[in-house]
Amino acid sequence: MKKTPLLNVALSRLIASLGHGDKVVIGDAGLPVPPGVELIDLALTHGIPDFVSTLKVVLSEMQVESHVLAEEILEKQPAALTTLDALQAEGALGTRTMVSHEQFKILSRQARAIIRTGECSPYCNIVLIAGVTF
């Protein structure tokens, strides 16, 4: 049995296979998944699992060099933004880049996978860019 918080087989496999610079998207329930990008669908119902819980579990195993958010998250100010700011301040998310939501969706085409949550707050989406541990 694993000792870390991440128990999902598909997520463990994904994170173990990442190389430097690979992109992983954690998205809300409404984020479109481009054709050809793997979908790891965790959504059960509205809010379950939520964006923040999913992000924290992924961060327990993934080394992140930087991340990308949609500019619109600053306008909507969902509760998750406070956690994102705190995680960035702790160094868990590396540097931040802001793009429009349309650019975010284009960027998601480059993702190794999109992790769909049950989050129903607008713009609770993040691109995590893998770093290295050495």
N, C-alpha and C. Protein backbone atom coordinates (compact mmCIF):
# COMPACT_ATOMS: atom_id res chain seq x y z
N MET A 1 0.85 -1.18 0.00
CA MET A 1 0.00 0.00 0.00
C MET A 1 0.90 1.24 0.00
N LYS A 2 0.52 2.24 -0.78
CA LYS A 2 1.31 3.48 -0.85
C LYS A 2 1.24 4.24 0.46
N LYS A 3 2.30 5.00 0.74
CA LYS A 3 2.36 5.81 1.95
C LYS A 3 1.92 7.25 1.71
N THR A 4 1.94 7.68 0.46
CA THR A 4 1.57 9.05 0.15
C THR A 4 0.05 9.16 0.00
N PRO A 5 -0.48 10.38 0.02
CA PRO A 5 -1.94 10.53 -0.04
C PRO A 5 -2.59 10.09 -1.35
N LEU A 6 -1.84 10.09 -2.45
CA LEU A 6 -2.41 9.79 -3.77
C LEU A 6 -2.63 8.29 -3.94
N LEU A 7 -3.89 7.88 -4.05
CA LEU A 7 -4.23 6.48 -4.22
C LEU A 7 -4.72 6.15 -5.63
N ASN A 8 -5.14 7.14 -6.40
CA ASN A 8 -5.70 6.91 -7.73
C ASN A 8 -4.63 6.36 -8.67
N VAL A 9 -4.91 5.21 -9.25
CA VAL A 9 -3.94 4.53 -10.12
C VAL A 9 -3.59 5.36 -11.35
N ALA A 10 -4.60 5.93 -11.99
CA ALA A 10 -4.34 6.71 -13.21
C ALA A 10 -3.50 7.94 -12.92
N LEU A 11 -3.77 8.61 -11.81
CA LEU A 11 -2.97 9.79 -11.44
C LEU A 11 -1.55 9.40 -11.07
N SER A 12 -1.39 8.32 -10.33
CA SER A 12 -0.04 7.85 -9.96
C SER A 12 0.77 7.52 -11.20
N ARG A 13 0.14 6.82 -12.15
CA ARG A 13 0.82 6.47 -13.40
C ARG A 13 1.22 7.72 -14.16
N LEU A 14 0.30 8.67 -14.27
CA LEU A 14 0.59 9.92 -14.98
C LEU A 14 1.78 10.64 -14.36
N ILE A 15 1.75 10.86 -13.07
CA ILE A 15 2.80 11.63 -12.41
C ILE A 15 4.15 10.92 -12.51
N ALA A 16 4.13 9.59 -12.37
CA ALA A 16 5.38 8.83 -12.48
C ALA A 16 5.98 8.90 -13.88
N SER A 17 5.14 9.16 -14.88
CA SER A 17 5.63 9.18 -16.26
C SER A 17 6.05 10.57 -16.75
N LEU A 18 5.86 11.61 -15.94
CA LEU A 18 6.15 12.97 -16.38
C LEU A 18 7.64 13.23 -16.53
N GLY A 19 7.97 14.04 -17.51
CA GLY A 19 9.32 14.54 -17.68
C GLY A 19 9.31 16.06 -17.51
N HIS A 20 10.51 16.62 -17.42
CA HIS A 20 10.65 18.06 -17.23
C HIS A 20 9.93 18.82 -18.33
N GLY A 21 9.05 19.73 -17.93
CA GLY A 21 8.32 20.56 -18.88
C GLY A 21 6.97 20.01 -19.31
N ASP A 22 6.68 18.76 -18.96
CA ASP A 22 5.37 18.20 -19.31
C ASP A 22 4.27 18.98 -18.59
N LYS A 23 3.11 19.03 -19.21
CA LYS A 23 1.99 19.80 -18.67
C LYS A 23 0.86 18.88 -18.24
N VAL A 24 0.30 19.20 -17.07
CA VAL A 24 -0.88 18.51 -16.55
C VAL A 24 -1.90 19.58 -16.20
N VAL A 25 -3.14 19.39 -16.61
CA VAL A 25 -4.20 20.33 -16.30
C VAL A 25 -5.11 19.73 -15.24
N ILE A 26 -5.42 20.52 -14.22
CA ILE A 26 -6.49 20.17 -13.29
C ILE A 26 -7.61 21.16 -13.59
N GLY A 27 -8.78 20.64 -13.93
CA GLY A 27 -9.85 21.50 -14.37
C GLY A 27 -11.14 21.34 -13.59
N ASP A 28 -11.97 22.35 -13.74
CA ASP A 28 -13.30 22.28 -13.15
C ASP A 28 -14.17 21.38 -14.02
N ALA A 29 -15.40 21.18 -13.60
CA ALA A 29 -16.29 20.24 -14.28
C ALA A 29 -16.64 20.67 -15.71
N GLY A 30 -16.49 21.95 -16.02
CA GLY A 30 -16.89 22.44 -17.33
C GLY A 30 -15.77 22.63 -18.33
N LEU A 31 -14.52 22.42 -17.94
CA LEU A 31 -13.41 22.66 -18.86
C LEU A 31 -13.45 21.64 -20.00
N PRO A 32 -13.44 22.11 -21.25
CA PRO A 32 -13.44 21.16 -22.37
C PRO A 32 -12.13 20.40 -22.45
N VAL A 33 -12.22 19.17 -22.90
CA VAL A 33 -11.04 18.32 -23.08
C VAL A 33 -10.80 18.19 -24.58
N PRO A 34 -9.65 18.69 -25.04
CA PRO A 34 -9.37 18.62 -26.48
C PRO A 34 -9.23 17.17 -26.96
N PRO A 35 -9.61 16.91 -28.20
CA PRO A 35 -9.42 15.57 -28.75
C PRO A 35 -7.95 15.16 -28.66
N GLY A 36 -7.72 13.92 -28.29
CA GLY A 36 -6.37 13.39 -28.23
C GLY A 36 -5.66 13.58 -26.90
N VAL A 37 -6.23 14.37 -25.98
CA VAL A 37 -5.64 14.57 -24.67
C VAL A 37 -6.33 13.60 -23.69
N GLU A 38 -5.53 12.87 -22.93
CA GLU A 38 -6.08 11.92 -21.98
C GLU A 38 -6.93 12.65 -20.93
N LEU A 39 -8.07 12.08 -20.62
CA LEU A 39 -8.93 12.59 -19.56
C LEU A 39 -8.90 11.62 -18.38
N ILE A 40 -8.56 12.16 -17.21
CA ILE A 40 -8.70 11.40 -15.97
C ILE A 40 -9.86 12.06 -15.25
N ASP A 41 -11.01 11.42 -15.33
CA ASP A 41 -12.25 12.01 -14.84
C ASP A 41 -12.53 11.56 -13.41
N LEU A 42 -12.35 12.49 -12.47
CA LEU A 42 -12.60 12.20 -11.07
C LEU A 42 -13.98 12.71 -10.62
N ALA A 43 -14.65 13.50 -11.46
CA ALA A 43 -15.90 14.15 -11.08
C ALA A 43 -16.97 13.12 -10.73
N LEU A 44 -17.56 13.29 -9.55
CA LEU A 44 -18.66 12.43 -9.11
C LEU A 44 -19.98 13.19 -9.14
N THR A 45 -19.96 14.41 -8.62
CA THR A 45 -21.13 15.27 -8.58
C THR A 45 -20.63 16.69 -8.33
N HIS A 46 -21.53 17.66 -8.27
CA HIS A 46 -21.13 19.05 -8.05
C HIS A 46 -20.26 19.17 -6.80
N GLY A 47 -19.04 19.64 -6.99
CA GLY A 47 -18.14 19.90 -5.88
C GLY A 47 -17.34 18.72 -5.36
N ILE A 48 -17.56 17.53 -5.90
CA ILE A 48 -16.85 16.35 -5.39
C ILE A 48 -16.17 15.64 -6.55
N PRO A 49 -14.84 15.50 -6.52
CA PRO A 49 -13.95 16.19 -5.59
C PRO A 49 -13.78 17.64 -5.99
N ASP A 50 -13.42 18.46 -5.05
CA ASP A 50 -13.22 19.88 -5.34
C ASP A 50 -11.83 20.11 -5.92
N PHE A 51 -11.65 21.26 -6.51
CA PHE A 51 -10.40 21.64 -7.17
C PHE A 51 -9.22 21.66 -6.19
N VAL A 52 -9.39 22.31 -5.04
CA VAL A 52 -8.27 22.48 -4.10
C VAL A 52 -7.80 21.14 -3.55
N SER A 53 -8.73 20.27 -3.15
CA SER A 53 -8.33 18.96 -2.63
C SER A 53 -7.58 18.16 -3.68
N THR A 54 -8.06 18.20 -4.90
CA THR A 54 -7.39 17.47 -5.98
C THR A 54 -6.00 18.02 -6.22
N LEU A 55 -5.87 19.34 -6.27
CA LEU A 55 -4.57 19.97 -6.47
C LEU A 55 -3.59 19.58 -5.37
N LYS A 56 -4.02 19.65 -4.13
CA LYS A 56 -3.12 19.33 -3.02
C LYS A 56 -2.63 17.89 -3.07
N VAL A 57 -3.50 16.97 -3.44
CA VAL A 57 -3.07 15.57 -3.54
C VAL A 57 -2.09 15.38 -4.69
N VAL A 58 -2.36 16.01 -5.82
CA VAL A 58 -1.42 15.93 -6.95
C VAL A 58 -0.07 16.51 -6.55
N LEU A 59 -0.07 17.63 -5.85
CA LEU A 59 1.18 18.26 -5.43
C LEU A 59 1.96 17.41 -4.42
N SER A 60 1.29 16.47 -3.76
CA SER A 60 1.99 15.61 -2.81
C SER A 60 3.00 14.71 -3.52
N GLU A 61 2.83 14.52 -4.85
CA GLU A 61 3.74 13.66 -5.60
C GLU A 61 4.41 14.33 -6.79
N MET A 62 3.86 15.44 -7.26
CA MET A 62 4.38 16.07 -8.48
C MET A 62 5.27 17.26 -8.15
N GLN A 63 6.46 17.28 -8.75
CA GLN A 63 7.34 18.44 -8.67
C GLN A 63 6.91 19.44 -9.72
N VAL A 64 6.55 20.64 -9.28
CA VAL A 64 6.04 21.66 -10.20
C VAL A 64 7.05 22.80 -10.33
N GLU A 65 7.36 23.14 -11.56
CA GLU A 65 8.29 24.23 -11.85
C GLU A 65 7.55 25.56 -12.01
N SER A 66 6.36 25.49 -12.62
CA SER A 66 5.57 26.70 -12.85
C SER A 66 4.13 26.29 -13.12
N HIS A 67 3.27 27.30 -13.18
CA HIS A 67 1.86 27.04 -13.44
C HIS A 67 1.25 28.18 -14.23
N VAL A 68 0.10 27.88 -14.83
CA VAL A 68 -0.62 28.85 -15.65
C VAL A 68 -2.06 28.90 -15.18
N LEU A 69 -2.56 30.12 -15.04
CA LEU A 69 -3.97 30.36 -14.69
C LEU A 69 -4.59 31.26 -15.74
N ALA A 70 -5.91 31.19 -15.86
CA ALA A 70 -6.64 32.12 -16.72
C ALA A 70 -6.81 33.44 -15.99
N GLU A 71 -6.62 34.53 -16.70
CA GLU A 71 -6.77 35.88 -16.11
C GLU A 71 -8.14 36.08 -15.48
N GLU A 72 -9.14 35.42 -16.03
CA GLU A 72 -10.51 35.58 -15.55
C GLU A 72 -10.70 35.13 -14.10
N ILE A 73 -9.81 34.29 -13.60
CA ILE A 73 -9.92 33.85 -12.21
C ILE A 73 -9.77 35.05 -11.26
N LEU A 74 -9.00 36.06 -11.69
CA LEU A 74 -8.82 37.26 -10.87
C LEU A 74 -10.09 38.10 -10.82
N GLU A 75 -10.88 38.04 -11.86
CA GLU A 75 -12.15 38.77 -11.89
C GLU A 75 -13.21 38.09 -11.03
N LYS A 76 -13.29 36.77 -11.12
CA LYS A 76 -14.32 36.01 -10.39
C LYS A 76 -13.97 35.77 -8.93
N GLN A 77 -12.67 35.75 -8.61
CA GLN A 77 -12.19 35.57 -7.23
C GLN A 77 -12.82 34.37 -6.51
N PRO A 78 -12.74 33.16 -7.10
CA PRO A 78 -13.27 32.00 -6.39
C PRO A 78 -12.45 31.73 -5.12
N ALA A 79 -13.03 31.04 -4.17
CA ALA A 79 -12.34 30.75 -2.91
C ALA A 79 -11.00 30.04 -3.14
N ALA A 80 -10.92 29.25 -4.19
CA ALA A 80 -9.68 28.51 -4.48
C ALA A 80 -8.50 29.44 -4.74
N LEU A 81 -8.76 30.67 -5.17
CA LEU A 81 -7.67 31.59 -5.48
C LEU A 81 -6.81 31.88 -4.25
N THR A 82 -7.41 31.96 -3.09
CA THR A 82 -6.66 32.19 -1.85
C THR A 82 -5.67 31.04 -1.63
N THR A 83 -6.12 29.81 -1.85
CA THR A 83 -5.24 28.65 -1.70
C THR A 83 -4.15 28.66 -2.75
N LEU A 84 -4.49 29.00 -3.99
CA LEU A 84 -3.48 29.07 -5.05
C LEU A 84 -2.39 30.08 -4.70
N ASP A 85 -2.79 31.23 -4.19
CA ASP A 85 -1.81 32.25 -3.80
C ASP A 85 -0.92 31.75 -2.67
N ALA A 86 -1.51 31.07 -1.70
CA ALA A 86 -0.74 30.53 -0.57
C ALA A 86 0.24 29.45 -1.04
N LEU A 87 -0.21 28.56 -1.91
CA LEU A 87 0.66 27.50 -2.42
C LEU A 87 1.81 28.10 -3.24
N GLN A 88 1.53 29.16 -3.99
CA GLN A 88 2.60 29.81 -4.74
C GLN A 88 3.59 30.45 -3.78
N ALA A 89 3.10 31.11 -2.75
CA ALA A 89 3.98 31.75 -1.77
C ALA A 89 4.87 30.73 -1.06
N GLU A 90 4.36 29.52 -0.87
CA GLU A 90 5.14 28.43 -0.24
C GLU A 90 6.16 27.82 -1.20
N GLY A 91 6.04 28.13 -2.48
CA GLY A 91 6.94 27.56 -3.48
C GLY A 91 6.44 26.27 -4.11
N ALA A 92 5.23 25.84 -3.76
CA ALA A 92 4.71 24.57 -4.27
C ALA A 92 4.30 24.63 -5.73
N LEU A 93 4.07 25.85 -6.25
CA LEU A 93 3.59 26.00 -7.63
C LEU A 93 4.59 26.69 -8.55
N GLY A 94 5.74 27.06 -8.05
CA GLY A 94 6.72 27.75 -8.88
C GLY A 94 6.19 29.09 -9.36
N THR A 95 6.68 29.51 -10.50
CA THR A 95 6.30 30.82 -11.03
C THR A 95 4.92 30.75 -11.69
N ARG A 96 4.26 31.90 -11.76
CA ARG A 96 2.90 31.97 -12.30
C ARG A 96 2.89 32.76 -13.61
N THR A 97 2.15 32.23 -14.57
CA THR A 97 1.87 32.92 -15.82
C THR A 97 0.35 33.04 -15.94
N MET A 98 -0.10 34.20 -16.38
CA MET A 98 -1.53 34.44 -16.59
C MET A 98 -1.79 34.58 -18.08
N VAL A 99 -2.83 33.92 -18.56
CA VAL A 99 -3.25 34.01 -19.96
C VAL A 99 -4.77 34.15 -19.99
N SER A 100 -5.32 34.51 -21.13
CA SER A 100 -6.78 34.56 -21.24
C SER A 100 -7.33 33.13 -21.17
N HIS A 101 -8.62 33.02 -20.86
CA HIS A 101 -9.23 31.69 -20.78
C HIS A 101 -9.17 30.99 -22.14
N GLU A 102 -9.32 31.75 -23.22
CA GLU A 102 -9.20 31.17 -24.55
C GLU A 102 -7.80 30.63 -24.79
N GLN A 103 -6.76 31.39 -24.38
CA GLN A 103 -5.38 30.91 -24.52
C GLN A 103 -5.15 29.70 -23.62
N PHE A 104 -5.78 29.68 -22.44
CA PHE A 104 -5.66 28.54 -21.53
C PHE A 104 -6.17 27.27 -22.21
N LYS A 105 -7.32 27.38 -22.87
CA LYS A 105 -7.89 26.20 -23.55
C LYS A 105 -6.99 25.74 -24.69
N ILE A 106 -6.36 26.67 -25.39
CA ILE A 106 -5.41 26.30 -26.45
C ILE A 106 -4.19 25.60 -25.83
N LEU A 107 -3.68 26.15 -24.73
CA LEU A 107 -2.54 25.54 -24.04
C LEU A 107 -2.86 24.13 -23.56
N SER A 108 -4.10 23.89 -23.17
CA SER A 108 -4.47 22.57 -22.65
C SER A 108 -4.35 21.47 -23.71
N ARG A 109 -4.28 21.85 -24.97
CA ARG A 109 -4.07 20.87 -26.04
C ARG A 109 -2.71 20.18 -25.92
N GLN A 110 -1.77 20.85 -25.24
CA GLN A 110 -0.42 20.31 -25.07
C GLN A 110 -0.28 19.45 -23.82
N ALA A 111 -1.34 19.32 -23.06
CA ALA A 111 -1.27 18.59 -21.79
C ALA A 111 -1.11 17.09 -22.01
N ARG A 112 -0.35 16.48 -21.13
CA ARG A 112 -0.27 15.01 -21.12
C ARG A 112 -1.61 14.43 -20.70
N ALA A 113 -2.32 15.15 -19.80
CA ALA A 113 -3.65 14.72 -19.36
C ALA A 113 -4.37 15.90 -18.74
N ILE A 114 -5.69 15.80 -18.75
CA ILE A 114 -6.54 16.74 -18.03
C ILE A 114 -7.26 15.96 -16.94
N ILE A 115 -7.14 16.46 -15.72
CA ILE A 115 -7.79 15.85 -14.57
C ILE A 115 -9.07 16.65 -14.32
N ARG A 116 -10.22 16.02 -14.54
CA ARG A 116 -11.50 16.70 -14.33
C ARG A 116 -11.97 16.47 -12.90
N THR A 117 -12.28 17.57 -12.23
CA THR A 117 -12.83 17.51 -10.87
C THR A 117 -14.32 17.79 -10.92
N GLY A 118 -14.96 17.76 -9.77
CA GLY A 118 -16.37 18.12 -9.67
C GLY A 118 -16.57 19.59 -9.36
N GLU A 119 -15.47 20.35 -9.40
CA GLU A 119 -15.53 21.78 -9.07
C GLU A 119 -16.48 22.52 -10.00
N CYS A 120 -17.33 23.36 -9.44
CA CYS A 120 -18.29 24.13 -10.23
C CYS A 120 -18.12 25.63 -10.06
N SER A 121 -16.96 26.07 -9.60
CA SER A 121 -16.64 27.49 -9.52
C SER A 121 -15.93 27.88 -10.81
N PRO A 122 -16.34 28.99 -11.44
CA PRO A 122 -15.74 29.37 -12.72
C PRO A 122 -14.23 29.61 -12.64
N TYR A 123 -13.54 29.15 -13.67
CA TYR A 123 -12.11 29.38 -13.88
C TYR A 123 -11.21 28.70 -12.85
N CYS A 124 -11.70 27.70 -12.16
CA CYS A 124 -10.85 26.91 -11.25
C CYS A 124 -10.14 25.85 -12.07
N ASN A 125 -9.18 26.31 -12.84
CA ASN A 125 -8.38 25.47 -13.73
C ASN A 125 -6.93 25.89 -13.60
N ILE A 126 -6.03 24.93 -13.72
CA ILE A 126 -4.60 25.24 -13.62
C ILE A 126 -3.82 24.30 -14.54
N VAL A 127 -2.82 24.85 -15.19
CA VAL A 127 -1.83 24.04 -15.91
C VAL A 127 -0.62 23.94 -15.00
N LEU A 128 -0.23 22.73 -14.65
CA LEU A 128 0.98 22.49 -13.87
C LEU A 128 2.07 22.06 -14.83
N ILE A 129 3.22 22.71 -14.74
CA ILE A 129 4.35 22.37 -15.60
C ILE A 129 5.39 21.66 -14.73
N ALA A 130 5.71 20.43 -15.11
CA ALA A 130 6.56 19.58 -14.31
C ALA A 130 7.98 20.11 -14.23
N GLY A 131 8.52 20.02 -13.03
CA GLY A 131 9.91 20.36 -12.79
C GLY A 131 10.70 19.09 -12.55
N VAL A 132 11.91 19.25 -12.04
CA VAL A 132 12.75 18.11 -11.68
C VAL A 132 13.12 18.22 -10.21
N THR A 133 13.43 17.09 -9.61
CA THR A 133 13.76 17.07 -8.18
C THR A 133 15.25 17.18 -7.92
N PHE A 134 16.03 17.38 -8.97
CA PHE A 134 17.48 17.52 -8.78
C PHE A 134 17.97 18.79 -9.38
